[in-house]
C-alpha cells in the first residue's frame, strides 16, 4: 500500500525506495532520508554518521549542539543505535507537496553538509 507521504513527493524529482527518499544535489552529492508517519506529523530523518564514525569523533555532542544553534528546521542528535542523525517534524495539517519537499531537501542538505564536515565523504 502506498504511504500517505509519497503523494506529496510527486513532481519533486525524488527517488523513493520503501520508507526512504534519495535526494540528489547539483554537485553530484546525494543523501537518503527516511520518512516516519507519526500520526499528526511526519518525521524526516537522515543519518549523518554511523556509530563507528561517531565513536571516532571528539566532542561530537558539543559540535551537534552548535549546529543545532545555527540551523533551521533540522535538529541533530544521537539516536538509540549510536548514530548521529538530523531530523525534522513536519505537521500534516494543511501540508502541501511543495512544503513537504522543502523539508525533505533541507534535512537531506543539512545532514549531507554535516556528514562532509565530519568525514569528507558522501556515504549516507
PDB file of N, CA and C in Angstrom:
ATOM      1  N   UNK A   1       0.846  -1.186   0.000  1.00  0.00           N
ATOM      2  CA  UNK A   1       0.000   0.000   0.000  1.00  0.00           C
ATOM      3  C   UNK A   1       0.884   1.240   0.000  1.00  0.00           C
ATOM      4  N   UNK A   2       0.561   2.213  -0.815  1.00  0.00           N
ATOM      5  CA  UNK A   2       1.346   3.447  -0.892  1.00  0.00           C
ATOM      6  C   UNK A   2       1.234   4.213   0.419  1.00  0.00           C
ATOM      7  N   UNK A   3       2.330   4.760   0.845  1.00  0.00           N
ATOM      8  CA  UNK A   3       2.329   5.567   2.048  1.00  0.00           C
ATOM      9  C   UNK A   3       1.776   6.942   1.719  1.00  0.00           C
ATOM     10  N   UNK A   4       1.124   7.551   2.694  1.00  0.00           N
ATOM     11  CA  UNK A   4       0.464   8.843   2.506  1.00  0.00           C
ATOM     12  C   UNK A   4       1.426   9.920   1.993  1.00  0.00           C
ATOM     13  N   UNK A   5       2.650   9.912   2.479  1.00  0.00           N
ATOM     14  CA  UNK A   5       3.595  10.969   2.109  1.00  0.00           C
ATOM     15  C   UNK A   5       4.094  10.857   0.671  1.00  0.00           C
ATOM     16  N   UNK A   6       3.986   9.679   0.059  1.00  0.00           N
ATOM     17  CA  UNK A   6       4.519   9.535  -1.293  1.00  0.00           C
ATOM     18  C   UNK A   6       3.788  10.428  -2.292  1.00  0.00           C
ATOM     19  N   UNK A   7       2.501  10.673  -2.075  1.00  0.00           N
ATOM     20  CA  UNK A   7       1.763  11.557  -2.980  1.00  0.00           C
ATOM     21  C   UNK A   7       2.287  12.984  -2.895  1.00  0.00           C
ATOM     22  N   UNK A   8       2.863  13.358  -1.761  1.00  0.00           N
ATOM     23  CA  UNK A   8       3.422  14.702  -1.593  1.00  0.00           C
ATOM     24  C   UNK A   8       4.739  14.873  -2.348  1.00  0.00           C
ATOM     25  N   UNK A   9       5.323  13.766  -2.785  1.00  0.00           N
ATOM     26  CA  UNK A   9       6.614  13.807  -3.489  1.00  0.00           C
ATOM     27  C   UNK A   9       6.465  13.913  -4.996  1.00  0.00           C
ATOM     28  N   UNK A  10       5.261  13.799  -5.500  1.00  0.00           N
ATOM     29  CA  UNK A  10       5.053  13.837  -6.950  1.00  0.00           C
ATOM     30  C   UNK A  10       5.603  15.132  -7.537  1.00  0.00           C
ATOM     31  N   UNK A  11       6.405  14.992  -8.569  1.00  0.00           N
ATOM     32  CA  UNK A  11       6.963  16.149  -9.248  1.00  0.00           C
ATOM     33  C   UNK A  11       8.175  16.770  -8.573  1.00  0.00           C
ATOM     34  N   UNK A  12       8.617  16.218  -7.440  1.00  0.00           N
ATOM     35  CA  UNK A  12       9.752  16.804  -6.715  1.00  0.00           C
ATOM     36  C   UNK A  12      11.093  16.266  -7.199  1.00  0.00           C
ATOM     37  N   UNK A  13      11.070  15.216  -8.027  1.00  0.00           N
ATOM     38  CA  UNK A  13      12.317  14.667  -8.548  1.00  0.00           C
ATOM     39  C   UNK A  13      13.043  13.758  -7.577  1.00  0.00           C
ATOM     40  N   UNK A  14      12.343  13.236  -6.601  1.00  0.00           N
ATOM     41  CA  UNK A  14      12.950  12.336  -5.616  1.00  0.00           C
ATOM     42  C   UNK A  14      12.867  10.892  -6.093  1.00  0.00           C
ATOM     43  N   UNK A  15      13.836  10.085  -5.669  1.00  0.00           N
ATOM     44  CA  UNK A  15      13.782   8.635  -5.877  1.00  0.00           C
ATOM     45  C   UNK A  15      13.298   8.027  -4.568  1.00  0.00           C
ATOM     46  N   UNK A  16      12.160   7.340  -4.612  1.00  0.00           N
ATOM     47  CA  UNK A  16      11.571   6.747  -3.411  1.00  0.00           C
ATOM     48  C   UNK A  16      11.865   5.262  -3.392  1.00  0.00           C
ATOM     49  N   UNK A  17      12.339   4.784  -2.235  1.00  0.00           N
ATOM     50  CA  UNK A  17      12.646   3.372  -2.047  1.00  0.00           C
ATOM     51  C   UNK A  17      12.123   2.957  -0.676  1.00  0.00           C
ATOM     52  N   UNK A  18      10.923   2.377  -0.632  1.00  0.00           N
ATOM     53  CA  UNK A  18      10.317   1.997   0.635  1.00  0.00           C
ATOM     54  C   UNK A  18       9.999   3.218   1.472  1.00  0.00           C
ATOM     55  N   UNK A  19      10.556   3.282   2.683  1.00  0.00           N
ATOM     56  CA  UNK A  19      10.342   4.419   3.576  1.00  0.00           C
ATOM     57  C   UNK A  19      11.407   5.493   3.400  1.00  0.00           C
ATOM     58  N   UNK A  20      12.234   5.376   2.365  1.00  0.00           N
ATOM     59  CA  UNK A  20      13.333   6.312   2.178  1.00  0.00           C
ATOM     60  C   UNK A  20      13.199   7.099   0.878  1.00  0.00           C
ATOM     61  N   UNK A  21      13.781   8.287   0.912  1.00  0.00           N
ATOM     62  CA  UNK A  21      13.825   9.159  -0.256  1.00  0.00           C
ATOM     63  C   UNK A  21      15.291   9.488  -0.504  1.00  0.00           C
ATOM     64  N   UNK A  22      15.739   9.323  -1.741  1.00  0.00           N
ATOM     65  CA  UNK A  22      17.094   9.744  -2.097  1.00  0.00           C
ATOM     66  C   UNK A  22      16.999  11.115  -2.747  1.00  0.00           C
ATOM     67  N   UNK A  23      17.756  12.058  -2.177  1.00  0.00           N
ATOM     68  CA  UNK A  23      17.794  13.423  -2.684  1.00  0.00           C
ATOM     69  C   UNK A  23      19.145  13.622  -3.349  1.00  0.00           C
ATOM     70  N   UNK A  24      19.129  14.030  -4.607  1.00  0.00           N
ATOM     71  CA  UNK A  24      20.370  14.309  -5.351  1.00  0.00           C
ATOM     72  C   UNK A  24      20.535  15.814  -5.466  1.00  0.00           C
ATOM     73  N   UNK A  25      21.797  16.241  -5.279  1.00  0.00           N
ATOM     74  CA  UNK A  25      22.112  17.663  -5.342  1.00  0.00           C
ATOM     75  C   UNK A  25      22.843  17.974  -6.639  1.00  0.00           C
ATOM     76  N   UNK A  26      22.893  19.243  -7.005  1.00  0.00           N
ATOM     77  CA  UNK A  26      23.503  19.676  -8.260  1.00  0.00           C
ATOM     78  C   UNK A  26      24.978  19.299  -8.361  1.00  0.00           C
ATOM     79  N   UNK A  27      25.671  19.185  -7.238  1.00  0.00           N
ATOM     80  CA  UNK A  27      27.113  18.884  -7.254  1.00  0.00           C
ATOM     81  C   UNK A  27      27.400  17.383  -7.257  1.00  0.00           C
ATOM     82  N   UNK A  28      26.390  16.572  -7.623  1.00  0.00           N
ATOM     83  CA  UNK A  28      26.500  15.108  -7.692  1.00  0.00           C
ATOM     84  C   UNK A  28      26.513  14.427  -6.326  1.00  0.00           C
ATOM     85  N   UNK A  29      26.449  15.173  -5.255  1.00  0.00           N
ATOM     86  CA  UNK A  29      26.309  14.551  -3.933  1.00  0.00           C
ATOM     87  C   UNK A  29      24.857  14.101  -3.782  1.00  0.00           C
ATOM     88  N   UNK A  30      24.625  13.236  -2.822  1.00  0.00           N
ATOM     89  CA  UNK A  30      23.270  12.765  -2.564  1.00  0.00           C
ATOM     90  C   UNK A  30      23.147  12.402  -1.088  1.00  0.00           C
ATOM     91  N   UNK A  31      21.908  12.279  -0.633  1.00  0.00           N
ATOM     92  CA  UNK A  31      21.675  11.847   0.742  1.00  0.00           C
ATOM     93  C   UNK A  31      20.301  11.194   0.808  1.00  0.00           C
ATOM     94  N   UNK A  32      20.197  10.155   1.637  1.00  0.00           N
ATOM     95  CA  UNK A  32      18.935   9.442   1.834  1.00  0.00           C
ATOM     96  C   UNK A  32      18.317   9.878   3.152  1.00  0.00           C
ATOM     97  N   UNK A  33      17.017  10.054   3.138  1.00  0.00           N
ATOM     98  CA  UNK A  33      16.280  10.340   4.360  1.00  0.00           C
ATOM     99  C   UNK A  33      15.139   9.342   4.482  1.00  0.00           C
ATOM    100  N   UNK A  34      14.745   9.074   5.698  1.00  0.00           N
ATOM    101  CA  UNK A  34      13.628   8.172   5.976  1.00  0.00           C
ATOM    102  C   UNK A  34      12.441   9.014   6.433  1.00  0.00           C
ATOM    103  N   UNK A  35      11.253   8.600   6.057  1.00  0.00           N
ATOM    104  CA  UNK A  35      10.043   9.292   6.483  1.00  0.00           C
ATOM    105  C   UNK A  35       9.247   8.350   7.374  1.00  0.00           C
ATOM    106  N   UNK A  36       8.968   8.808   8.595  1.00  0.00           N
ATOM    107  CA  UNK A  36       8.146   8.049   9.538  1.00  0.00           C
ATOM    108  C   UNK A  36       6.833   8.785   9.743  1.00  0.00           C
ATOM    109  N   UNK A  37       5.727   8.049   9.668  1.00  0.00           N
ATOM    110  CA  UNK A  37       4.415   8.641   9.925  1.00  0.00           C
ATOM    111  C   UNK A  37       4.176   8.595  11.429  1.00  0.00           C
ATOM    112  N   UNK A  38       4.066   9.754  12.045  1.00  0.00           N
ATOM    113  CA  UNK A  38       3.906   9.840  13.497  1.00  0.00           C
ATOM    114  C   UNK A  38       2.503  10.312  13.891  1.00  0.00           C
ATOM    115  N   UNK A  39       1.527  10.021  13.052  1.00  0.00           N
ATOM    116  CA  UNK A  39       0.147  10.420  13.352  1.00  0.00           C
ATOM    117  C   UNK A  39      -0.178  11.781  12.771  1.00  0.00           C
ATOM    118  N   UNK A  40      -0.026  12.834  13.551  1.00  0.00           N
ATOM    119  CA  UNK A  40      -0.332  14.193  13.095  1.00  0.00           C
ATOM    120  C   UNK A  40       0.835  14.867  12.381  1.00  0.00           C
ATOM    121  N   UNK A  41       1.956  14.167  12.293  1.00  0.00           N
ATOM    122  CA  UNK A  41       3.145  14.741  11.657  1.00  0.00           C
ATOM    123  C   UNK A  41       3.968  13.641  11.002  1.00  0.00           C
ATOM    124  N   UNK A  42       4.806  14.055  10.063  1.00  0.00           N
ATOM    125  CA  UNK A  42       5.813  13.163   9.504  1.00  0.00           C
ATOM    126  C   UNK A  42       7.143  13.530  10.155  1.00  0.00           C
ATOM    127  N   UNK A  43       7.954  12.531  10.436  1.00  0.00           N
ATOM    128  CA  UNK A  43       9.308  12.775  10.919  1.00  0.00           C
ATOM    129  C   UNK A  43      10.247  12.394   9.780  1.00  0.00           C
ATOM    130  N   UNK A  44      11.049  13.349   9.348  1.00  0.00           N
ATOM    131  CA  UNK A  44      12.016  13.131   8.277  1.00  0.00           C
ATOM    132  C   UNK A  44      13.388  13.037   8.926  1.00  0.00           C
ATOM    133  N   UNK A  45      14.079  11.893   8.722  1.00  0.00           N
ATOM    134  CA  UNK A  45      15.339  11.616   9.414  1.00  0.00           C
ATOM    135  C   UNK A  45      16.427  11.241   8.418  1.00  0.00           C
ATOM    136  N   UNK A  46      17.579  11.848   8.580  1.00  0.00           N
ATOM    137  CA  UNK A  46      18.748  11.496   7.778  1.00  0.00           C
ATOM    138  C   UNK A  46      19.901  11.105   8.688  1.00  0.00           C
ATOM    139  N   UNK A  47      20.646  10.092   8.307  1.00  0.00           N
ATOM    140  CA  UNK A  47      21.806   9.670   9.089  1.00  0.00           C
ATOM    141  C   UNK A  47      23.008  10.508   8.652  1.00  0.00           C
ATOM    142  N   UNK A  48      23.668  11.111   9.623  1.00  0.00           N
ATOM    143  CA  UNK A  48      24.864  11.902   9.360  1.00  0.00           C
ATOM    144  C   UNK A  48      26.094  11.016   9.471  1.00  0.00           C
ATOM    145  N   UNK A  49      26.143  10.209  10.525  1.00  0.00           N
ATOM    146  CA  UNK A  49      27.300   9.347  10.753  1.00  0.00           C
ATOM    147  C   UNK A  49      26.874   8.095  11.505  1.00  0.00           C
ATOM    148  N   UNK A  50      27.410   6.966  11.078  1.00  0.00           N
ATOM    149  CA  UNK A  50      27.161   5.696  11.748  1.00  0.00           C
ATOM    150  C   UNK A  50      27.916   5.654  13.084  1.00  0.00           C
ATOM    151  N   UNK A  51      27.565   4.693  13.916  1.00  0.00           N
ATOM    152  CA  UNK A  51      28.139   4.570  15.256  1.00  0.00           C
ATOM    153  C   UNK A  51      29.672   4.557  15.253  1.00  0.00           C
ATOM    154  N   UNK A  52      30.287   3.812  14.347  1.00  0.00           N
ATOM    155  CA  UNK A  52      31.755   3.727  14.314  1.00  0.00           C
ATOM    156  C   UNK A  52      32.379   5.098  14.085  1.00  0.00           C
ATOM    157  N   UNK A  53      31.785   5.876  13.187  1.00  0.00           N
ATOM    158  CA  UNK A  53      32.301   7.228  12.925  1.00  0.00           C
ATOM    159  C   UNK A  53      32.046   8.137  14.117  1.00  0.00           C
ATOM    160  N   UNK A  54      30.895   7.995  14.739  1.00  0.00           N
ATOM    161  CA  UNK A  54      30.571   8.796  15.923  1.00  0.00           C
ATOM    162  C   UNK A  54      31.613   8.569  17.008  1.00  0.00           C
ATOM    163  N   UNK A  55      32.008   7.326  17.211  1.00  0.00           N
ATOM    164  CA  UNK A  55      32.981   6.996  18.256  1.00  0.00           C
ATOM    165  C   UNK A  55      34.371   7.549  17.948  1.00  0.00           C
ATOM    166  N   UNK A  56      34.683   7.795  16.678  1.00  0.00           N
ATOM    167  CA  UNK A  56      35.990   8.361  16.298  1.00  0.00           C
ATOM    168  C   UNK A  56      36.064   9.870  16.494  1.00  0.00           C
ATOM    169  N   UNK A  57      34.930  10.518  16.585  1.00  0.00           N
ATOM    170  CA  UNK A  57      34.886  11.973  16.654  1.00  0.00           C
ATOM    171  C   UNK A  57      35.045  12.480  18.087  1.00  0.00           C
ATOM    172  N   UNK A  58      35.790  13.561  18.233  1.00  0.00           N
ATOM    173  CA  UNK A  58      35.932  14.202  19.541  1.00  0.00           C
ATOM    174  C   UNK A  58      34.878  15.292  19.684  1.00  0.00           C
ATOM    175  N   UNK A  59      34.323  15.415  20.879  1.00  0.00           N
ATOM    176  CA  UNK A  59      33.363  16.479  21.200  1.00  0.00           C
ATOM    177  C   UNK A  59      32.178  16.534  20.231  1.00  0.00           C
ATOM    178  N   UNK A  60      31.718  15.387  19.787  1.00  0.00           N
ATOM    179  CA  UNK A  60      30.643  15.371  18.791  1.00  0.00           C
ATOM    180  C   UNK A  60      29.339  15.934  19.358  1.00  0.00           C
ATOM    181  N   UNK A  61      29.043  15.643  20.602  1.00  0.00           N
ATOM    182  CA  UNK A  61      27.810  16.180  21.192  1.00  0.00           C
ATOM    183  C   UNK A  61      27.841  17.708  21.199  1.00  0.00           C
ATOM    184  N   UNK A  62      28.981  18.291  21.510  1.00  0.00           N
ATOM    185  CA  UNK A  62      29.120  19.745  21.501  1.00  0.00           C
ATOM    186  C   UNK A  62      29.007  20.291  20.072  1.00  0.00           C
ATOM    187  N   UNK A  63      29.600  19.602  19.111  1.00  0.00           N
ATOM    188  CA  UNK A  63      29.517  20.036  17.715  1.00  0.00           C
ATOM    189  C   UNK A  63      28.071  19.977  17.215  1.00  0.00           C
ATOM    190  N   UNK A  64      27.367  18.926  17.602  1.00  0.00           N
ATOM    191  CA  UNK A  64      25.958  18.809  17.194  1.00  0.00           C
ATOM    192  C   UNK A  64      25.139  19.923  17.846  1.00  0.00           C
ATOM    193  N   UNK A  65      25.407  20.214  19.099  1.00  0.00           N
ATOM    194  CA  UNK A  65      24.696  21.289  19.794  1.00  0.00           C
ATOM    195  C   UNK A  65      24.939  22.626  19.096  1.00  0.00           C
ATOM    196  N   UNK A  66      26.169  22.873  18.695  1.00  0.00           N
ATOM    197  CA  UNK A  66      26.481  24.122  17.978  1.00  0.00           C
ATOM    198  C   UNK A  66      25.758  24.192  16.635  1.00  0.00           C
ATOM    199  N   UNK A  67      25.702  23.076  15.934  1.00  0.00           N
ATOM    200  CA  UNK A  67      24.975  23.065  14.664  1.00  0.00           C
ATOM    201  C   UNK A  67      23.485  23.308  14.897  1.00  0.00           C
ATOM    202  N   UNK A  68      22.956  22.746  15.978  1.00  0.00           N
ATOM    203  CA  UNK A  68      21.543  22.957  16.292  1.00  0.00           C
ATOM    204  C   UNK A  68      21.247  24.438  16.523  1.00  0.00           C
ATOM    205  N   UNK A  69      22.205  25.167  17.042  1.00  0.00           N
ATOM    206  CA  UNK A  69      22.016  26.602  17.282  1.00  0.00           C
ATOM    207  C   UNK A  69      22.013  27.398  15.981  1.00  0.00           C
ATOM    208  N   UNK A  70      22.618  26.859  14.932  1.00  0.00           N
ATOM    209  CA  UNK A  70      22.765  27.633  13.703  1.00  0.00           C
ATOM    210  C   UNK A  70      21.907  27.135  12.537  1.00  0.00           C
ATOM    211  N   UNK A  71      21.220  26.022  12.690  1.00  0.00           N
ATOM    212  CA  UNK A  71      20.385  25.513  11.596  1.00  0.00           C
ATOM    213  C   UNK A  71      18.915  25.759  11.893  1.00  0.00           C
ATOM    214  N   UNK A  72      18.145  25.855  10.843  1.00  0.00           N
ATOM    215  CA  UNK A  72      16.703  25.999  10.983  1.00  0.00           C
ATOM    216  C   UNK A  72      16.022  24.776  10.388  1.00  0.00           C
ATOM    217  N   UNK A  73      14.955  24.362  10.992  1.00  0.00           N
ATOM    218  CA  UNK A  73      14.126  23.224  10.585  1.00  0.00           C
ATOM    219  C   UNK A  73      14.728  21.866  10.908  1.00  0.00           C
ATOM    220  N   UNK A  74      16.034  21.765  11.101  1.00  0.00           N
ATOM    221  CA  UNK A  74      16.696  20.479  11.318  1.00  0.00           C
ATOM    222  C   UNK A  74      17.418  20.488  12.657  1.00  0.00           C
ATOM    223  N   UNK A  75      17.226  19.416  13.431  1.00  0.00           N
ATOM    224  CA  UNK A  75      17.944  19.242  14.687  1.00  0.00           C
ATOM    225  C   UNK A  75      18.770  17.970  14.627  1.00  0.00           C
ATOM    226  N   UNK A  76      19.918  17.997  15.277  1.00  0.00           N
ATOM    227  CA  UNK A  76      20.824  16.842  15.280  1.00  0.00           C
ATOM    228  C   UNK A  76      20.863  16.223  16.666  1.00  0.00           C
ATOM    229  N   UNK A  77      20.967  14.886  16.691  1.00  0.00           N
ATOM    230  CA  UNK A  77      21.037  14.160  17.962  1.00  0.00           C
ATOM    231  C   UNK A  77      21.633  12.787  17.718  1.00  0.00           C
ATOM    232  N   UNK A  78      22.026  12.125  18.800  1.00  0.00           N
ATOM    233  CA  UNK A  78      22.450  10.728  18.731  1.00  0.00           C
ATOM    234  C   UNK A  78      21.213   9.871  18.944  1.00  0.00           C
ATOM    235  N   UNK A  79      20.999   8.897  18.065  1.00  0.00           N
ATOM    236  CA  UNK A  79      19.821   8.043  18.212  1.00  0.00           C
ATOM    237  C   UNK A  79      20.131   6.840  19.094  1.00  0.00           C
ATOM    238  N   UNK A  80      19.146   5.972  19.277  1.00  0.00           N
ATOM    239  CA  UNK A  80      19.311   4.814  20.161  1.00  0.00           C
ATOM    240  C   UNK A  80      20.265   3.765  19.601  1.00  0.00           C
ATOM    241  N   UNK A  81      20.693   3.908  18.343  1.00  0.00           N
ATOM    242  CA  UNK A  81      21.675   2.990  17.746  1.00  0.00           C
ATOM    243  C   UNK A  81      23.083   3.590  17.754  1.00  0.00           C
ATOM    244  N   UNK A  82      23.235   4.770  18.383  1.00  0.00           N
ATOM    245  CA  UNK A  82      24.542   5.402  18.472  1.00  0.00           C
ATOM    246  C   UNK A  82      24.945   6.178  17.237  1.00  0.00           C
ATOM    247  N   UNK A  83      23.995   6.424  16.334  1.00  0.00           N
ATOM    248  CA  UNK A  83      24.279   7.180  15.111  1.00  0.00           C
ATOM    249  C   UNK A  83      23.966   8.657  15.340  1.00  0.00           C
ATOM    250  N   UNK A  84      24.647   9.509  14.606  1.00  0.00           N
ATOM    251  CA  UNK A  84      24.291  10.920  14.595  1.00  0.00           C
ATOM    252  C   UNK A  84      23.272  11.109  13.482  1.00  0.00           C
ATOM    253  N   UNK A  85      22.105  11.644  13.828  1.00  0.00           N
ATOM    254  CA  UNK A  85      21.049  11.853  12.848  1.00  0.00           C
ATOM    255  C   UNK A  85      20.581  13.303  12.883  1.00  0.00           C
ATOM    256  N   UNK A  86      20.034  13.734  11.765  1.00  0.00           N
ATOM    257  CA  UNK A  86      19.358  15.018  11.681  1.00  0.00           C
ATOM    258  C   UNK A  86      17.901  14.735  11.400  1.00  0.00           C
ATOM    259  N   UNK A  87      17.013  15.521  11.989  1.00  0.00           N
ATOM    260  CA  UNK A  87      15.595  15.244  11.789  1.00  0.00           C
ATOM    261  C   UNK A  87      14.767  16.516  11.843  1.00  0.00           C
ATOM    262  N   UNK A  88      13.585  16.394  11.280  1.00  0.00           N
ATOM    263  CA  UNK A  88      12.618  17.474  11.306  1.00  0.00           C
ATOM    264  C   UNK A  88      11.230  16.867  11.413  1.00  0.00           C
ATOM    265  N   UNK A  89      10.374  17.518  12.180  1.00  0.00           N
ATOM    266  CA  UNK A  89       8.983  17.095  12.298  1.00  0.00           C
ATOM    267  C   UNK A  89       8.144  18.007  11.421  1.00  0.00           C
ATOM    268  N   UNK A  90       7.304  17.404  10.572  1.00  0.00           N
ATOM    269  CA  UNK A  90       6.519  18.151   9.596  1.00  0.00           C
ATOM    270  C   UNK A  90       5.033  17.942   9.914  1.00  0.00           C
ATOM    271  N   UNK A  91       4.360  18.962  10.436  1.00  0.00           N
ATOM    272  CA  UNK A  91       2.927  18.815  10.729  1.00  0.00           C
ATOM    273  C   UNK A  91       2.135  18.542   9.448  1.00  0.00           C
ATOM    274  N   UNK A  92       1.163  17.634   9.536  1.00  0.00           N
ATOM    275  CA  UNK A  92       0.367  17.259   8.361  1.00  0.00           C
ATOM    276  C   UNK A  92      -0.721  18.279   8.019  1.00  0.00           C
ATOM    277  N   UNK A  93      -1.209  19.009   9.008  1.00  0.00           N
ATOM    278  CA  UNK A  93      -2.325  19.926   8.781  1.00  0.00           C
ATOM    279  C   UNK A  93      -1.966  20.960   7.716  1.00  0.00           C
ATOM    280  N   UNK A  94      -2.704  20.942   6.613  1.00  0.00           N
ATOM    281  CA  UNK A  94      -2.506  21.907   5.546  1.00  0.00           C
ATOM    282  C   UNK A  94      -1.233  21.721   4.741  1.00  0.00           C
ATOM    283  N   UNK A  95      -0.569  20.587   4.893  1.00  0.00           N
ATOM    284  CA  UNK A  95       0.722  20.351   4.239  1.00  0.00           C
ATOM    285  C   UNK A  95       0.572  20.197   2.730  1.00  0.00           C
ATOM    286  N   UNK A  96       1.368  20.952   1.993  1.00  0.00           N
ATOM    287  CA  UNK A  96       1.376  20.839   0.537  1.00  0.00           C
ATOM    288  C   UNK A  96       2.592  20.024   0.093  1.00  0.00           C
ATOM    289  N   UNK A  97       2.567  19.565  -1.130  1.00  0.00           N
ATOM    290  CA  UNK A  97       3.699  18.826  -1.673  1.00  0.00           C
ATOM    291  C   UNK A  97       4.953  19.678  -1.722  1.00  0.00           C
ATOM    292  N   UNK A  98       4.790  20.941  -2.076  1.00  0.00           N
ATOM    293  CA  UNK A  98       5.934  21.859  -2.151  1.00  0.00           C
ATOM    294  C   UNK A  98       6.587  22.047  -0.778  1.00  0.00           C
ATOM    295  N   UNK A  99       5.764  22.194   0.255  1.00  0.00           N
ATOM    296  CA  UNK A  99       6.295  22.364   1.612  1.00  0.00           C
ATOM    297  C   UNK A  99       6.981  21.082   2.095  1.00  0.00           C
ATOM    298  N   UNK A 100       6.352  19.931   1.837  1.00  0.00           N
ATOM    299  CA  UNK A 100       6.956  18.665   2.245  1.00  0.00           C
ATOM    300  C   UNK A 100       8.310  18.476   1.556  1.00  0.00           C
ATOM    301  N   UNK A 101       8.367  18.757   0.257  1.00  0.00           N
ATOM    302  CA  UNK A 101       9.619  18.627  -0.495  1.00  0.00           C
ATOM    303  C   UNK A 101      10.690  19.559   0.072  1.00  0.00           C
ATOM    304  N   UNK A 102      10.292  20.749   0.498  1.00  0.00           N
ATOM    305  CA  UNK A 102      11.260  21.690   1.084  1.00  0.00           C
ATOM    306  C   UNK A 102      11.852  21.122   2.371  1.00  0.00           C
ATOM    307  N   UNK A 103      11.032  20.512   3.212  1.00  0.00           N
ATOM    308  CA  UNK A 103      11.530  19.883   4.435  1.00  0.00           C
ATOM    309  C   UNK A 103      12.487  18.743   4.098  1.00  0.00           C
ATOM    310  N   UNK A 104      12.083  17.890   3.164  1.00  0.00           N
ATOM    311  CA  UNK A 104      12.916  16.746   2.781  1.00  0.00           C
ATOM    312  C   UNK A 104      14.271  17.228   2.271  1.00  0.00           C
ATOM    313  N   UNK A 105      14.255  18.216   1.394  1.00  0.00           N
ATOM    314  CA  UNK A 105      15.520  18.747   0.854  1.00  0.00           C
ATOM    315  C   UNK A 105      16.380  19.374   1.943  1.00  0.00           C
ATOM    316  N   UNK A 106      15.757  20.095   2.867  1.00  0.00           N
ATOM    317  CA  UNK A 106      16.518  20.755   3.932  1.00  0.00           C
ATOM    318  C   UNK A 106      17.176  19.722   4.851  1.00  0.00           C
ATOM    319  N   UNK A 107      16.438  18.697   5.240  1.00  0.00           N
ATOM    320  CA  UNK A 107      17.017  17.653   6.091  1.00  0.00           C
ATOM    321  C   UNK A 107      18.168  16.969   5.355  1.00  0.00           C
ATOM    322  N   UNK A 108      17.938  16.598   4.109  1.00  0.00           N
ATOM    323  CA  UNK A 108      18.990  15.927   3.329  1.00  0.00           C
ATOM    324  C   UNK A 108      20.215  16.821   3.182  1.00  0.00           C
ATOM    325  N   UNK A 109      20.017  18.097   2.875  1.00  0.00           N
ATOM    326  CA  UNK A 109      21.140  19.015   2.670  1.00  0.00           C
ATOM    327  C   UNK A 109      21.939  19.235   3.953  1.00  0.00           C
ATOM    328  N   UNK A 110      21.248  19.455   5.067  1.00  0.00           N
ATOM    329  CA  UNK A 110      21.954  19.690   6.339  1.00  0.00           C
ATOM    330  C   UNK A 110      22.693  18.438   6.801  1.00  0.00           C
ATOM    331  N   UNK A 111      22.074  17.272   6.629  1.00  0.00           N
ATOM    332  CA  UNK A 111      22.740  16.023   7.005  1.00  0.00           C
ATOM    333  C   UNK A 111      23.958  15.774   6.111  1.00  0.00           C
ATOM    334  N   UNK A 112      23.811  16.017   4.833  1.00  0.00           N
ATOM    335  CA  UNK A 112      24.914  15.822   3.899  1.00  0.00           C
ATOM    336  C   UNK A 112      26.064  16.777   4.208  1.00  0.00           C
ATOM    337  N   UNK A 113      25.740  18.022   4.518  1.00  0.00           N
ATOM    338  CA  UNK A 113      26.761  19.026   4.842  1.00  0.00           C
ATOM    339  C   UNK A 113      27.514  18.638   6.113  1.00  0.00           C
ATOM    340  N   UNK A 114      26.795  18.218   7.149  1.00  0.00           N
ATOM    341  CA  UNK A 114      27.426  17.825   8.418  1.00  0.00           C
ATOM    342  C   UNK A 114      28.261  16.565   8.206  1.00  0.00           C
ATOM    343  N   UNK A 115      27.753  15.619   7.414  1.00  0.00           N
ATOM    344  CA  UNK A 115      28.500  14.409   7.093  1.00  0.00           C
ATOM    345  C   UNK A 115      29.834  14.765   6.435  1.00  0.00           C
ATOM    346  N   UNK A 116      29.794  15.678   5.487  1.00  0.00           N
ATOM    347  CA  UNK A 116      31.014  16.091   4.796  1.00  0.00           C
ATOM    348  C   UNK A 116      32.008  16.762   5.754  1.00  0.00           C
ATOM    349  N   UNK A 117      31.489  17.618   6.634  1.00  0.00           N
ATOM    350  CA  UNK A 117      32.373  18.273   7.602  1.00  0.00           C
ATOM    351  C   UNK A 117      33.041  17.264   8.542  1.00  0.00           C
ATOM    352  N   UNK A 118      32.313  16.222   8.909  1.00  0.00           N
ATOM    353  CA  UNK A 118      32.864  15.204   9.822  1.00  0.00           C
ATOM    354  C   UNK A 118      33.811  14.241   9.129  1.00  0.00           C
ATOM    355  N   UNK A 119      33.447  13.822   7.917  1.00  0.00           N
ATOM    356  CA  UNK A 119      34.169  12.707   7.290  1.00  0.00           C
ATOM    357  C   UNK A 119      34.846  13.034   5.967  1.00  0.00           C
ATOM    358  N   UNK A 120      34.397  14.089   5.321  1.00  0.00           N
ATOM    359  CA  UNK A 120      34.916  14.410   3.988  1.00  0.00           C
ATOM    360  C   UNK A 120      34.371  13.480   2.915  1.00  0.00           C
ATOM    361  N   UNK A 121      33.379  12.671   3.255  1.00  0.00           N
ATOM    362  CA  UNK A 121      32.837  11.665   2.332  1.00  0.00           C
ATOM    363  C   UNK A 121      31.361  11.903   2.046  1.00  0.00           C
ATOM    364  N   UNK A 122      30.851  11.158   1.086  1.00  0.00           N
ATOM    365  CA  UNK A 122      29.436  11.164   0.721  1.00  0.00           C
ATOM    366  C   UNK A 122      28.951   9.721   0.802  1.00  0.00           C
ATOM    367  N   UNK A 123      28.652   9.257   2.014  1.00  0.00           N
ATOM    368  CA  UNK A 123      28.331   7.841   2.176  1.00  0.00           C
ATOM    369  C   UNK A 123      26.873   7.558   2.490  1.00  0.00           C
ATOM    370  N   UNK A 124      26.163   8.459   3.096  1.00  0.00           N
ATOM    371  CA  UNK A 124      24.780   8.168   3.511  1.00  0.00           C
ATOM    372  C   UNK A 124      23.789   8.524   2.428  1.00  0.00           C
TER     373      UNK A 124
END
